[in-house]
C-alpha atoms as a PDB file:
ATOM      1  CA  MET A   1       0.000   0.000   0.000  1.00  0.00           C
ATOM      2  CA  LEU A   2       1.496   3.311  -1.072  1.00  0.00           C
ATOM      3  CA  THR A   3       1.594   6.166   1.403  1.00  0.00           C
ATOM      4  CA  GLU A   4       2.103   9.877   0.853  1.00  0.00           C
ATOM      5  CA  HIS A   5       5.848   9.423   1.385  1.00  0.00           C
ATOM      6  CA  THR A   6       6.256   6.441  -0.940  1.00  0.00           C
ATOM      7  CA  LEU A   7       3.898   7.732  -3.625  1.00  0.00           C
ATOM      8  CA  VAL A   8       6.108  10.618  -4.749  1.00  0.00           C
ATOM      9  CA  PRO A   9       9.094   8.557  -6.001  1.00  0.00           C
ATOM     10  CA  GLU A  10       6.749   6.280  -7.961  1.00  0.00           C
ATOM     11  CA  MET A  11       5.086   9.314  -9.557  1.00  0.00           C
ATOM     12  CA  LEU A  12       8.458  10.704 -10.632  1.00  0.00           C
ATOM     13  CA  VAL A  13       9.330   7.350 -12.199  1.00  0.00           C
ATOM     14  CA  PHE A  14       5.995   7.346 -14.049  1.00  0.00           C
ATOM     15  CA  ALA A  15       6.659  10.865 -15.360  1.00  0.00           C
ATOM     16  CA  LYS A  16      10.045   9.745 -16.692  1.00  0.00           C
ATOM     17  CA  VAL A  17       8.508   6.723 -18.467  1.00  0.00           C
ATOM     18  CA  VAL A  18       6.001   8.968 -20.239  1.00  0.00           C
ATOM     19  CA  GLU A  19       8.615  11.645 -20.986  1.00  0.00           C
ATOM     20  CA  LEU A  20      10.976   9.121 -22.610  1.00  0.00           C
ATOM     21  CA  ARG A  21       8.155   7.049 -24.143  1.00  0.00           C
ATOM     22  CA  GLY A  22       9.303   3.735 -22.752  1.00  0.00           C
ATOM     23  CA  PHE A  23      10.359   1.650 -19.759  1.00  0.00           C
ATOM     24  CA  ALA A  24      13.843   0.823 -21.099  1.00  0.00           C
ATOM     25  CA  ALA A  25      14.730   4.443 -21.811  1.00  0.00           C
ATOM     26  CA  ALA A  26      13.524   5.507 -18.362  1.00  0.00           C
ATOM     27  CA  ALA A  27      15.499   2.681 -16.767  1.00  0.00           C
ATOM     28  CA  ARG A  28      18.699   3.759 -18.511  1.00  0.00           C
ATOM     29  CA  GLN A  29      18.347   7.385 -17.457  1.00  0.00           C
ATOM     30  CA  LEU A  30      17.389   6.567 -13.866  1.00  0.00           C
ATOM     31  CA  GLY A  31      20.003   3.840 -13.439  1.00  0.00           C
ATOM     32  CA  LEU A  32      17.421   1.136 -12.677  1.00  0.00           C
ATOM     33  CA  THR A  33      16.384  -2.108 -14.317  1.00  0.00           C
ATOM     34  CA  THR A  34      13.480  -2.206 -16.736  1.00  0.00           C
ATOM     35  CA  SER A  35      11.645  -4.610 -14.462  1.00  0.00           C
ATOM     36  CA  ALA A  36      12.047  -2.219 -11.514  1.00  0.00           C
ATOM     37  CA  ILE A  37      10.525   0.572 -13.582  1.00  0.00           C
ATOM     38  CA  SER A  38       7.643  -1.685 -14.629  1.00  0.00           C
ATOM     39  CA  ARG A  39       6.955  -2.685 -11.034  1.00  0.00           C
ATOM     40  CA  SER A  40       6.976   0.971  -9.946  1.00  0.00           C
ATOM     41  CA  VAL A  41       4.306   1.883 -12.514  1.00  0.00           C
ATOM     42  CA  GLY A  42       2.398  -1.264 -11.571  1.00  0.00           C
ATOM     43  CA  ARG A  43       2.274  -0.152  -7.932  1.00  0.00           C
ATOM     44  CA  LEU A  44       0.757   3.169  -8.988  1.00  0.00           C
ATOM     45  CA  GLU A  45      -1.869   1.398 -11.085  1.00  0.00           C
ATOM     46  CA  ALA A  46      -2.687  -0.906  -8.188  1.00  0.00           C
ATOM     47  CA  HIS A  47      -2.926   2.085  -5.848  1.00  0.00           C
ATOM     48  CA  TRP A  48      -5.501   3.839  -8.067  1.00  0.00           C
ATOM     49  CA  GLY A  49      -7.137   0.659  -9.301  1.00  0.00           C
ATOM     50  CA  ALA A  50      -6.858   1.513 -12.995  1.00  0.00           C
ATOM     51  CA  ARG A  51      -4.384   1.331 -15.848  1.00  0.00           C
ATOM     52  CA  LEU A  52      -2.253   4.407 -16.511  1.00  0.00           C
ATOM     53  CA  LEU A  53      -0.545   3.110 -19.653  1.00  0.00           C
ATOM     54  CA  HIS A  54      -1.406   1.063 -22.723  1.00  0.00           C
ATOM     55  CA  ARG A  55       1.594  -1.222 -23.238  1.00  0.00           C
ATOM     56  CA  THR A  56       2.804  -2.908 -26.431  1.00  0.00           C
ATOM     57  CA  THR A  57       6.119  -4.558 -27.223  1.00  0.00           C
ATOM     58  CA  ARG A  58       7.180  -1.388 -29.044  1.00  0.00           C
ATOM     59  CA  SER A  59       5.680   1.555 -27.215  1.00  0.00           C
ATOM     60  CA  VAL A  60       3.566   2.876 -24.382  1.00  0.00           C
ATOM     61  CA  SER A  61       0.708   5.368 -24.532  1.00  0.00           C
ATOM     62  CA  LEU A  62      -1.401   7.082 -21.893  1.00  0.00           C
ATOM     63  CA  THR A  63      -4.872   6.040 -20.871  1.00  0.00           C
ATOM     64  CA  GLU A  64      -7.404   8.759 -20.083  1.00  0.00           C
ATOM     65  CA  LEU A  65      -6.589   8.530 -16.363  1.00  0.00           C
ATOM     66  CA  GLY A  66      -2.895   8.266 -17.177  1.00  0.00           C
ATOM     67  CA  ALA A  67      -2.995  11.583 -19.034  1.00  0.00           C
ATOM     68  CA  GLU A  68      -4.517  13.337 -16.020  1.00  0.00           C
ATOM     69  CA  VAL A  69      -2.067  11.721 -13.604  1.00  0.00           C
ATOM     70  CA  TYR A  70       0.887  12.527 -15.855  1.00  0.00           C
ATOM     71  CA  ALA A  71       0.029  16.240 -15.892  1.00  0.00           C
ATOM     72  CA  GLY A  72       0.437  16.353 -12.123  1.00  0.00           C
ATOM     73  CA  CYS A  73       3.503  14.109 -12.105  1.00  0.00           C
ATOM     74  CA  ALA A  74       5.214  16.207 -14.775  1.00  0.00           C
ATOM     75  CA  GLN A  75       4.544  19.368 -12.791  1.00  0.00           C
ATOM     76  CA  MET A  76       6.016  17.707  -9.697  1.00  0.00           C
ATOM     77  CA  ALA A  77       9.122  16.656 -11.654  1.00  0.00           C
ATOM     78  CA  ARG A  78       9.478  20.175 -13.036  1.00  0.00           C
ATOM     79  CA  LEU A  79       9.289  21.671  -9.534  1.00  0.00           C
ATOM     80  CA  ALA A  80      11.863  19.156  -8.309  1.00  0.00           C
ATOM     81  CA  ARG A  81      14.234  20.226 -11.100  1.00  0.00           C
ATOM     82  CA  GLU A  82      13.728  23.877 -10.204  1.00  0.00           C
ATOM     83  CA  VAL A  83      14.524  23.176  -6.550  1.00  0.00           C
ATOM     84  CA  HIS A  84      17.607  21.264  -7.638  1.00  0.00           C
ATOM     85  CA  ALA A  85      18.624  24.133  -9.935  1.00  0.00           C
ATOM     86  CA  THR A  86      18.082  26.650  -7.166  1.00  0.00           C
ATOM     87  CA  ALA A  87      20.408  24.710  -4.871  1.00  0.00           C
ATOM     88  CA  GLY A  88      22.940  24.237  -7.655  1.00  0.00           C
ATOM     89  CA  HIS A  89      22.787  27.933  -8.457  1.00  0.00           C
ATOM     90  CA  TYR A  90      24.890  28.616  -5.407  1.00  0.00           C
ATOM     91  CA  GLY A  91      27.739  26.405  -6.588  1.00  0.00           C
ATOM     92  CA  ASP A  92      30.612  28.240  -8.205  1.00  0.00           C
ATOM     93  CA  ILE A  93      31.476  25.669 -10.906  1.00  0.00           C
ATOM     94  CA  PRO A  94      29.121  24.630 -13.736  1.00  0.00           C
ATOM     95  CA  ARG A  95      28.678  20.870 -13.771  1.00  0.00           C
ATOM     96  CA  GLY A  96      26.353  18.235 -15.122  1.00  0.00           C
ATOM     97  CA  THR A  97      24.910  17.287 -18.519  1.00  0.00           C
ATOM     98  CA  VAL A  98      23.280  19.898 -20.757  1.00  0.00           C
ATOM     99  CA  ARG A  99      20.760  18.331 -23.124  1.00  0.00           C
ATOM    100  CA  ILE A 100      20.486  20.481 -26.225  1.00  0.00           C
ATOM    101  CA  SER A 101      18.677  20.273 -29.560  1.00  0.00           C
ATOM    102  CA  ALA A 102      19.797  22.067 -32.727  1.00  0.00           C
ATOM    103  CA  PRO A 103      18.936  22.077 -36.446  1.00  0.00           C
ATOM    104  CA  VAL A 104      20.890  19.402 -38.312  1.00  0.00           C
ATOM    105  CA  VAL A 105      23.112  21.563 -40.536  1.00  0.00           C
ATOM    106  CA  PHE A 106      23.598  24.337 -37.970  1.00  0.00           C
ATOM    107  CA  GLY A 107      24.437  21.778 -35.300  1.00  0.00           C
ATOM    108  CA  ASP A 108      26.965  19.985 -37.487  1.00  0.00           C
ATOM    109  CA  ILE A 109      28.699  23.027 -38.920  1.00  0.00           C
ATOM    110  CA  TRP A 110      28.438  25.724 -36.255  1.00  0.00           C
ATOM    111  CA  LEU A 111      27.478  24.287 -32.864  1.00  0.00           C
ATOM    112  CA  ALA A 112      29.656  21.172 -32.702  1.00  0.00           C
ATOM    113  CA  PRO A 113      32.948  23.074 -33.311  1.00  0.00           C
ATOM    114  CA  GLN A 114      32.167  25.365 -30.331  1.00  0.00           C
ATOM    115  CA  LEU A 115      31.970  22.506 -27.826  1.00  0.00           C
ATOM    116  CA  PRO A 116      35.664  21.561 -27.372  1.00  0.00           C
ATOM    117  CA  ALA A 117      36.499  25.058 -26.066  1.00  0.00           C
ATOM    118  CA  LEU A 118      33.552  24.852 -23.660  1.00  0.00           C
ATOM    119  CA  ARG A 119      34.731  21.474 -22.368  1.00  0.00           C
ATOM    120  CA  GLN A 120      38.264  22.800 -21.984  1.00  0.00           C
ATOM    121  CA  ARG A 121      37.033  25.673 -19.840  1.00  0.00           C
ATOM    122  CA  TRP A 122      34.365  23.717 -17.940  1.00  0.00           C
ATOM    123  CA  PRO A 123      35.382  20.025 -17.933  1.00  0.00           C
ATOM    124  CA  ALA A 124      32.609  19.163 -15.461  1.00  0.00           C
ATOM    125  CA  VAL A 125      29.984  20.149 -18.063  1.00  0.00           C
ATOM    126  CA  GLU A 126      28.934  17.413 -20.473  1.00  0.00           C
ATOM    127  CA  ILE A 127      26.834  17.854 -23.602  1.00  0.00           C
ATOM    128  CA  ALA A 128      24.123  15.580 -24.997  1.00  0.00           C
ATOM    129  CA  MET A 129      23.298  17.054 -28.415  1.00  0.00           C
ATOM    130  CA  GLN A 130      20.312  16.059 -30.535  1.00  0.00           C
ATOM    131  CA  LEU A 131      20.035  17.211 -34.144  1.00  0.00           C
ATOM    132  CA  SER A 132      16.556  17.731 -35.544  1.00  0.00           C
ATOM    133  CA  ASP A 133      14.901  20.320 -37.774  1.00  0.00           C
ATOM    134  CA  ARG A 134      11.532  20.017 -36.047  1.00  0.00           C
ATOM    135  CA  MET A 135      10.452  22.302 -33.205  1.00  0.00           C
ATOM    136  CA  VAL A 136      10.992  20.239 -30.058  1.00  0.00           C
ATOM    137  CA  ASP A 137       9.122  20.423 -26.751  1.00  0.00           C
ATOM    138  CA  LEU A 138      11.756  21.085 -24.090  1.00  0.00           C
ATOM    139  CA  THR A 139       9.703  19.770 -21.186  1.00  0.00           C
ATOM    140  CA  GLU A 140       8.335  16.649 -22.858  1.00  0.00           C
ATOM    141  CA  GLU A 141      11.721  15.654 -24.273  1.00  0.00           C
ATOM    142  CA  GLY A 142      13.766  16.475 -21.193  1.00  0.00           C
ATOM    143  CA  LEU A 143      15.874  19.154 -22.910  1.00  0.00           C
ATOM    144  CA  ASP A 144      17.634  22.066 -21.235  1.00  0.00           C
ATOM    145  CA  LEU A 145      18.162  24.135 -24.368  1.00  0.00           C
ATOM    146  CA  ALA A 146      17.188  24.344 -28.035  1.00  0.00           C
ATOM    147  CA  LEU A 147      18.853  26.317 -30.813  1.00  0.00           C
ATOM    148  CA  ARG A 148      16.549  27.496 -33.552  1.00  0.00           C
ATOM    149  CA  ILE A 149      16.975  29.767 -36.572  1.00  0.00           C
ATOM    150  CA  THR A 150      13.914  31.948 -37.003  1.00  0.00           C
ATOM    151  CA  THR A 151      12.529  35.491 -36.927  1.00  0.00           C
ATOM    152  CA  PRO A 152      11.357  37.308 -33.765  1.00  0.00           C
ATOM    153  CA  ASP A 153       7.683  37.006 -34.737  1.00  0.00           C
ATOM    154  CA  GLN A 154       8.024  33.227 -35.147  1.00  0.00           C
ATOM    155  CA  LEU A 155       9.574  32.516 -31.735  1.00  0.00           C
ATOM    156  CA  PRO A 156       7.615  29.869 -29.799  1.00  0.00           C
ATOM    157  CA  PRO A 157       5.608  31.343 -26.916  1.00  0.00           C
ATOM    158  CA  GLY A 158       6.446  30.552 -23.323  1.00  0.00           C
ATOM    159  CA  LEU A 159      10.216  30.257 -23.809  1.00  0.00           C
ATOM    160  CA  VAL A 160      13.109  32.615 -23.085  1.00  0.00           C
ATOM    161  CA  ALA A 161      15.088  33.480 -26.240  1.00  0.00           C
ATOM    162  CA  ARG A 162      18.727  34.598 -26.275  1.00  0.00           C
ATOM    163  CA  ALA A 163      20.015  35.810 -29.654  1.00  0.00           C
ATOM    164  CA  LEU A 164      23.282  34.172 -30.734  1.00  0.00           C
ATOM    165  CA  ARG A 165      24.034  35.295 -34.292  1.00  0.00           C
ATOM    166  CA  THR A 166      22.483  36.524 -37.504  1.00  0.00           C
ATOM    167  CA  VAL A 167      22.077  33.983 -40.288  1.00  0.00           C
ATOM    168  CA  ARG A 168      21.970  35.320 -43.844  1.00  0.00           C
ATOM    169  CA  TYR A 169      21.418  33.554 -47.140  1.00  0.00           C
ATOM    170  CA  ILE A 170      24.093  34.553 -49.622  1.00  0.00           C
ATOM    171  CA  PRO A 171      24.856  33.775 -53.290  1.00  0.00           C
ATOM    172  CA  VAL A 172      28.121  31.866 -53.774  1.00  0.00           C
ATOM    173  CA  ALA A 173      29.924  30.254 -56.687  1.00  0.00           C
ATOM    174  CA  SER A 174      33.280  28.681 -57.440  1.00  0.00           C
ATOM    175  CA  PRO A 175      36.002  30.818 -59.071  1.00  0.00           C
ATOM    176  CA  ALA A 176      36.377  28.221 -61.847  1.00  0.00           C
ATOM    177  CA  TRP A 177      32.675  28.425 -62.741  1.00  0.00           C
ATOM    178  CA  LEU A 178      32.741  32.226 -62.668  1.00  0.00           C
ATOM    179  CA  GLN A 179      35.693  32.257 -65.060  1.00  0.00           C
ATOM    180  CA  GLN A 180      33.487  30.627 -67.704  1.00  0.00           C
ATOM    181  CA  LEU A 181      31.008  33.514 -67.753  1.00  0.00           C
ATOM    182  CA  PRO A 182      31.212  36.066 -70.572  1.00  0.00           C
ATOM    183  CA  ALA A 183      30.890  38.987 -68.108  1.00  0.00           C
ATOM    184  CA  PRO A 184      31.145  39.584 -64.355  1.00  0.00           C
ATOM    185  CA  ILE A 185      28.017  39.454 -62.194  1.00  0.00           C
ATOM    186  CA  THR A 186      27.480  43.029 -61.005  1.00  0.00           C
ATOM    187  CA  HIS A 187      23.704  43.085 -60.600  1.00  0.00           C
ATOM    188  CA  PRO A 188      21.054  40.528 -59.534  1.00  0.00           C
ATOM    189  CA  ARG A 189      19.486  40.641 -63.001  1.00  0.00           C
ATOM    190  CA  ALA A 190      22.641  38.958 -64.304  1.00  0.00           C
ATOM    191  CA  LEU A 191      21.494  35.761 -62.539  1.00  0.00           C
ATOM    192  CA  ALA A 192      18.537  35.382 -64.918  1.00  0.00           C
ATOM    193  CA  GLY A 193      19.248  32.410 -67.158  1.00  0.00           C
ATOM    194  CA  LEU A 194      22.176  31.184 -65.052  1.00  0.00           C
ATOM    195  CA  PRO A 195      21.874  27.882 -63.143  1.00  0.00           C
ATOM    196  CA  CYS A 196      21.080  28.528 -59.466  1.00  0.00           C
ATOM    197  CA  ILE A 197      20.849  26.050 -56.591  1.00  0.00           C
ATOM    198  CA  THR A 198      18.232  26.860 -53.949  1.00  0.00           C
ATOM    199  CA  LEU A 199      16.667  25.104 -50.961  1.00  0.00           C
ATOM    200  CA  GLY A 200      13.487  24.402 -52.898  1.00  0.00           C
ATOM    201  CA  TYR A 201      11.123  23.607 -50.026  1.00  0.00           C
ATOM    202  CA  GLY A 202       8.392  25.525 -48.207  1.00  0.00           C
ATOM    203  CA  ASP A 203       8.842  29.236 -48.838  1.00  0.00           C
ATOM    204  CA  PHE A 204      12.386  28.679 -50.133  1.00  0.00           C
ATOM    205  CA  GLN A 205      11.619  28.493 -53.839  1.00  0.00           C
ATOM    206  CA  ASN A 206      13.220  30.054 -56.925  1.00  0.00           C
ATOM    207  CA  GLN A 207      11.638  33.496 -56.490  1.00  0.00           C
ATOM    208  CA  LEU A 208      14.358  35.772 -55.082  1.00  0.00           C
ATOM    209  CA  ARG A 209      13.837  39.288 -53.761  1.00  0.00           C
ATOM    210  CA  TRP A 210      16.939  41.495 -53.835  1.00  0.00           C
ATOM    211  CA  GLU A 211      17.448  44.677 -51.852  1.00  0.00           C
ATOM    212  CA  PRO A 212      20.483  46.974 -51.876  1.00  0.00           C
ATOM    213  CA  VAL A 213      22.543  46.913 -48.692  1.00  0.00           C
ATOM    214  CA  ALA A 214      22.032  50.204 -46.840  1.00  0.00           C
ATOM    215  CA  GLN A 215      24.833  52.698 -47.336  1.00  0.00           C
ATOM    216  CA  ALA A 216      26.645  50.275 -49.598  1.00  0.00           C
ATOM    217  CA  LYS A 217      29.843  51.392 -51.264  1.00  0.00           C
ATOM    218  CA  ALA A 218      30.596  51.120 -54.959  1.00  0.00           C
ATOM    219  CA  PRO A 219      29.254  47.845 -56.404  1.00  0.00           C
ATOM    220  CA  SER A 220      31.647  44.908 -56.415  1.00  0.00           C
ATOM    221  CA  ALA A 221      31.782  42.372 -59.203  1.00  0.00           C
ATOM    222  CA  ALA A 222      32.418  38.663 -59.075  1.00  0.00           C
ATOM    223  CA  PRO A 223      35.690  37.608 -60.745  1.00  0.00           C
ATOM    224  CA  ALA A 224      35.667  37.265 -64.495  1.00  0.00           C
ATOM    225  CA  PRO A 225      38.397  36.507 -67.061  1.00  0.00           C
ATOM    226  CA  PRO A 226      40.526  39.555 -67.917  1.00  0.00           C
ATOM    227  CA  SER A 227      39.591  39.031 -71.548  1.00  0.00           C
ATOM    228  CA  ALA A 228      35.841  38.908 -70.932  1.00  0.00           C
ATOM    229  CA  ALA A 229      33.987  41.498 -72.957  1.00  0.00           C
ATOM    230  CA  GLY A 230      30.444  42.483 -73.703  1.00  0.00           C
ATOM    231  CA  THR A 231      27.441  42.301 -71.419  1.00  0.00           C
ATOM    232  CA  SER A 232      24.907  39.668 -70.543  1.00  0.00           C
ATOM    233  CA  PRO A 233      21.555  40.025 -72.319  1.00  0.00           C
ATOM    234  CA  THR A 234      19.933  40.295 -68.896  1.00  0.00           C
ATOM    235  CA  ALA A 235      22.503  42.625 -67.370  1.00  0.00           C
ATOM    236  CA  ALA A 236      21.453  45.854 -65.676  1.00  0.00           C
ATOM    237  CA  PRO A 237      23.618  48.881 -64.911  1.00  0.00           C
ATOM    238  CA  ALA A 238      25.637  48.247 -61.755  1.00  0.00           C
ATOM    239  CA  THR A 239      24.472  51.635 -60.466  1.00  0.00           C
ATOM    240  CA  ASP A 240      20.792  50.570 -60.545  1.00  0.00           C
ATOM    241  CA  ARG A 241      19.932  50.168 -56.839  1.00  0.00           C
ATOM    242  CA  THR A 242      16.194  49.534 -57.181  1.00  0.00           C
ATOM    243  CA  PRO A 243      14.873  46.555 -55.187  1.00  0.00           C
ATOM    244  CA  LEU A 244      13.664  43.806 -57.463  1.00  0.00           C
ATOM    245  CA  GLU A 245      12.218  40.312 -57.479  1.00  0.00           C
ATOM    246  CA  LEU A 246      13.069  37.739 -60.092  1.00  0.00           C
ATOM    247  CA  ALA A 247      12.690  34.037 -60.705  1.00  0.00           C
ATOM    248  CA  VAL A 248      15.913  32.128 -61.260  1.00  0.00           C
ATOM    249  CA  HIS A 249      16.548  28.896 -63.133  1.00  0.00           C
ATOM    250  CA  THR A 250      16.996  26.058 -60.616  1.00  0.00           C
ATOM    251  CA  PRO A 251      18.049  22.823 -62.350  1.00  0.00           C
ATOM    252  CA  ILE A 252      18.930  21.449 -58.905  1.00  0.00           C
ATOM    253  CA  THR A 253      17.300  22.162 -55.539  1.00  0.00           C
ATOM    254  CA  VAL A 254      18.621  20.762 -52.261  1.00  0.00           C
ATOM    255  CA  ALA A 255      16.873  21.021 -48.880  1.00  0.00           C
ATOM    256  CA  SER A 256      20.199  21.621 -47.134  1.00  0.00           C
ATOM    257  CA  SER A 257      22.748  24.440 -47.258  1.00  0.00           C
ATOM    258  CA  THR A 258      25.476  21.806 -46.941  1.00  0.00           C
ATOM    259  CA  GLY A 259      24.343  20.182 -50.176  1.00  0.00           C
ATOM    260  CA  ILE A 260      24.090  23.566 -51.893  1.00  0.00           C
ATOM    261  CA  VAL A 261      27.668  24.435 -50.908  1.00  0.00           C
ATOM    262  CA  THR A 262      28.878  21.028 -52.121  1.00  0.00           C
ATOM    263  CA  LEU A 263      27.268  21.547 -55.544  1.00  0.00           C
ATOM    264  CA  ALA A 264      28.616  25.095 -55.827  1.00  0.00           C
ATOM    265  CA  LEU A 265      32.106  23.711 -55.129  1.00  0.00           C
ATOM    266  CA  GLN A 266      31.516  21.267 -57.987  1.00  0.00           C
ATOM    267  CA  HIS A 267      30.936  24.213 -60.377  1.00  0.00           C
ATOM    268  CA  GLN A 268      27.165  23.665 -60.763  1.00  0.00           C
ATOM    269  CA  GLY A 269      26.202  27.342 -60.648  1.00  0.00           C
ATOM    270  CA  VAL A 270      25.212  29.957 -58.068  1.00  0.00           C
ATOM    271  CA  GLY A 271      24.260  28.498 -54.707  1.00  0.00           C
ATOM    272  CA  ILE A 272      21.922  30.350 -52.341  1.00  0.00           C
ATOM    273  CA  ALA A 273      23.178  29.043 -48.996  1.00  0.00           C
ATOM    274  CA  ALA A 274      23.181  29.979 -45.314  1.00  0.00           C
ATOM    275  CA  ASP A 275      26.324  31.988 -44.620  1.00  0.00           C
ATOM    276  CA  PHE A 276      27.574  29.718 -41.819  1.00  0.00           C
ATOM    277  CA  ALA A 277      27.540  26.755 -44.221  1.00  0.00           C
ATOM    278  CA  ALA A 278      29.749  28.572 -46.739  1.00  0.00           C
ATOM    279  CA  GLU A 279      32.131  30.338 -44.303  1.00  0.00           C
ATOM    280  CA  GLN A 280      34.971  27.828 -44.485  1.00  0.00           C
ATOM    281  CA  ALA A 281      34.918  27.523 -48.274  1.00  0.00           C
ATOM    282  CA  LEU A 282      34.821  31.328 -48.580  1.00  0.00           C
ATOM    283  CA  ALA A 283      37.745  31.740 -46.191  1.00  0.00           C
ATOM    284  CA  GLU A 284      39.777  29.183 -48.166  1.00  0.00           C
ATOM    285  CA  GLY A 285      38.992  30.873 -51.486  1.00  0.00           C
ATOM    286  CA  ARG A 286      37.177  27.827 -52.858  1.00  0.00           C
ATOM    287  CA  LEU A 287      33.971  29.862 -53.135  1.00  0.00           C
ATOM    288  CA  VAL A 288      33.301  33.521 -53.850  1.00  0.00           C
ATOM    289  CA  GLN A 289      30.407  35.532 -52.425  1.00  0.00           C
ATOM    290  CA  LEU A 290      28.550  37.304 -55.207  1.00  0.00           C
ATOM    291  CA  LEU A 291      26.791  40.665 -55.078  1.00  0.00           C
ATOM    292  CA  PRO A 292      28.049  41.724 -51.615  1.00  0.00           C
ATOM    293  CA  ASP A 293      26.294  45.086 -52.030  1.00  0.00           C
ATOM    294  CA  TRP A 294      22.922  43.330 -52.237  1.00  0.00           C
ATOM    295  CA  GLN A 295      20.993  41.277 -49.718  1.00  0.00           C
ATOM    296  CA  LEU A 296      18.202  38.770 -50.083  1.00  0.00           C
ATOM    297  CA  GLY A 297      14.781  39.617 -48.697  1.00  0.00           C
ATOM    298  CA  GLY A 298      11.408  37.923 -48.709  1.00  0.00           C
ATOM    299  CA  SER A 299      11.546  34.219 -47.849  1.00  0.00           C
ATOM    300  CA  TYR A 300      15.369  34.361 -47.870  1.00  0.00           C
ATOM    301  CA  ALA A 301      15.584  37.378 -45.532  1.00  0.00           C
ATOM    302  CA  ALA A 302      18.060  37.328 -42.657  1.00  0.00           C
ATOM    303  CA  ARG A 303      17.137  35.310 -39.599  1.00  0.00           C
ATOM    304  CA  THR A 304      18.549  34.956 -36.094  1.00  0.00           C
ATOM    305  CA  ALA A 305      19.887  31.872 -34.354  1.00  0.00           C
ATOM    306  CA  TYR A 306      18.400  31.796 -30.842  1.00  0.00           C
ATOM    307  CA  ALA A 307      19.085  29.762 -27.727  1.00  0.00           C
ATOM    308  CA  LEU A 308      15.683  28.859 -26.255  1.00  0.00           C
ATOM    309  CA  TYR A 309      15.039  27.632 -22.731  1.00  0.00           C
ATOM    310  CA  SER A 310      12.140  27.350 -20.305  1.00  0.00           C
ATOM    311  CA  PRO A 311      11.645  30.309 -17.965  1.00  0.00           C
ATOM    312  CA  THR A 312      12.991  29.608 -14.499  1.00  0.00           C
ATOM    313  CA  ARG A 313      13.873  31.669 -11.481  1.00  0.00           C
ATOM    314  CA  HIS A 314      17.405  30.287 -11.394  1.00  0.00           C
ATOM    315  CA  LEU A 315      18.961  29.128 -14.659  1.00  0.00           C
ATOM    316  CA  PRO A 316      21.350  26.230 -13.904  1.00  0.00           C
ATOM    317  CA  LEU A 317      24.992  27.233 -14.104  1.00  0.00           C
ATOM    318  CA  LYS A 318      25.710  24.496 -16.668  1.00  0.00           C
ATOM    319  CA  VAL A 319      23.091  25.959 -19.029  1.00  0.00           C
ATOM    320  CA  ARG A 320      24.179  29.538 -18.427  1.00  0.00           C
ATOM    321  CA  ALA A 321      27.813  28.562 -19.093  1.00  0.00           C
ATOM    322  CA  LEU A 322      26.893  27.018 -22.457  1.00  0.00           C
ATOM    323  CA  ILE A 323      24.727  29.960 -23.537  1.00  0.00           C
ATOM    324  CA  ASP A 324      27.374  32.523 -22.563  1.00  0.00           C
ATOM    325  CA  HIS A 325      30.014  30.487 -24.408  1.00  0.00           C
ATOM    326  CA  LEU A 326      27.922  30.378 -27.596  1.00  0.00           C
ATOM    327  CA  VAL A 327      27.164  34.104 -27.431  1.00  0.00           C
ATOM    328  CA  GLN A 328      30.880  34.824 -27.105  1.00  0.00           C
ATOM    329  CA  ALA A 329      31.719  32.451 -29.964  1.00  0.00           C
ATOM    330  CA  ALA A 330      29.199  34.173 -32.223  1.00  0.00           C
ATOM    331  CA  ALA A 331      30.421  37.685 -31.423  1.00  0.00           C
END
């Protein structure tokens, strides 16, 4: 028979089973056996005289009563974490595991390289990184932090957002491919008729809106052969600074800036890629940024990479250390 004192631990175990969607996963995280976890949930069901979970060999799902019980158990677990964080707030060294989610390409290219320096400074902090392009639920998935690239009006409600860096989509091409053109690219209209590689999903289609960069200096041209002469049939005067929108020819679309950069390096045309994905190739001279005096607007307008976390009175030192480190790295 469960009492008030013995009921609480069983409820926390139940919350973890639901949070991780399985007995085995909960057992691994709690350091218990799967059978011990099953018996714990069984004691709760016996206490209330009803099933809390539908069990199959592959998954578990909540019954109607289970959903109501879980809401209270999850709140209890959340309060326990806050109490733990409050106590840990007074420690002077960040420690523990930070569970973080990030978009796949951004996590691979930008986030992962920042982690060794963090570990060198704070060796007691460990990182469990998940890569996913979907919007995750921090509470349900047991995450401390999520990185997302979005605009301020699209930030999910109920979370604290810390801006890390601006992400811009830029046109890039290989020097070898540019050398084949009859004239340098000095205006967006010069892209008409040229092969372009875009993301090609959702709002990221082949319709590009171009706006002049504010207070831009004299227009810069992409490299062209010294002997190149004449103008492209679609060329516009380089001094024309009127915003415009044009459809480009996209023989290849790739739903990843990494793939776009790879194809641009293979001389397949002008890639429209996130700047962080092209930074290394640009620094090494393997790619060239085109039209630096212009910026993309519309669906390709600049976005911000944010660190998102649940509001709490005392942010754990381990989470604060990671956020501060990423802000510094992005500066």
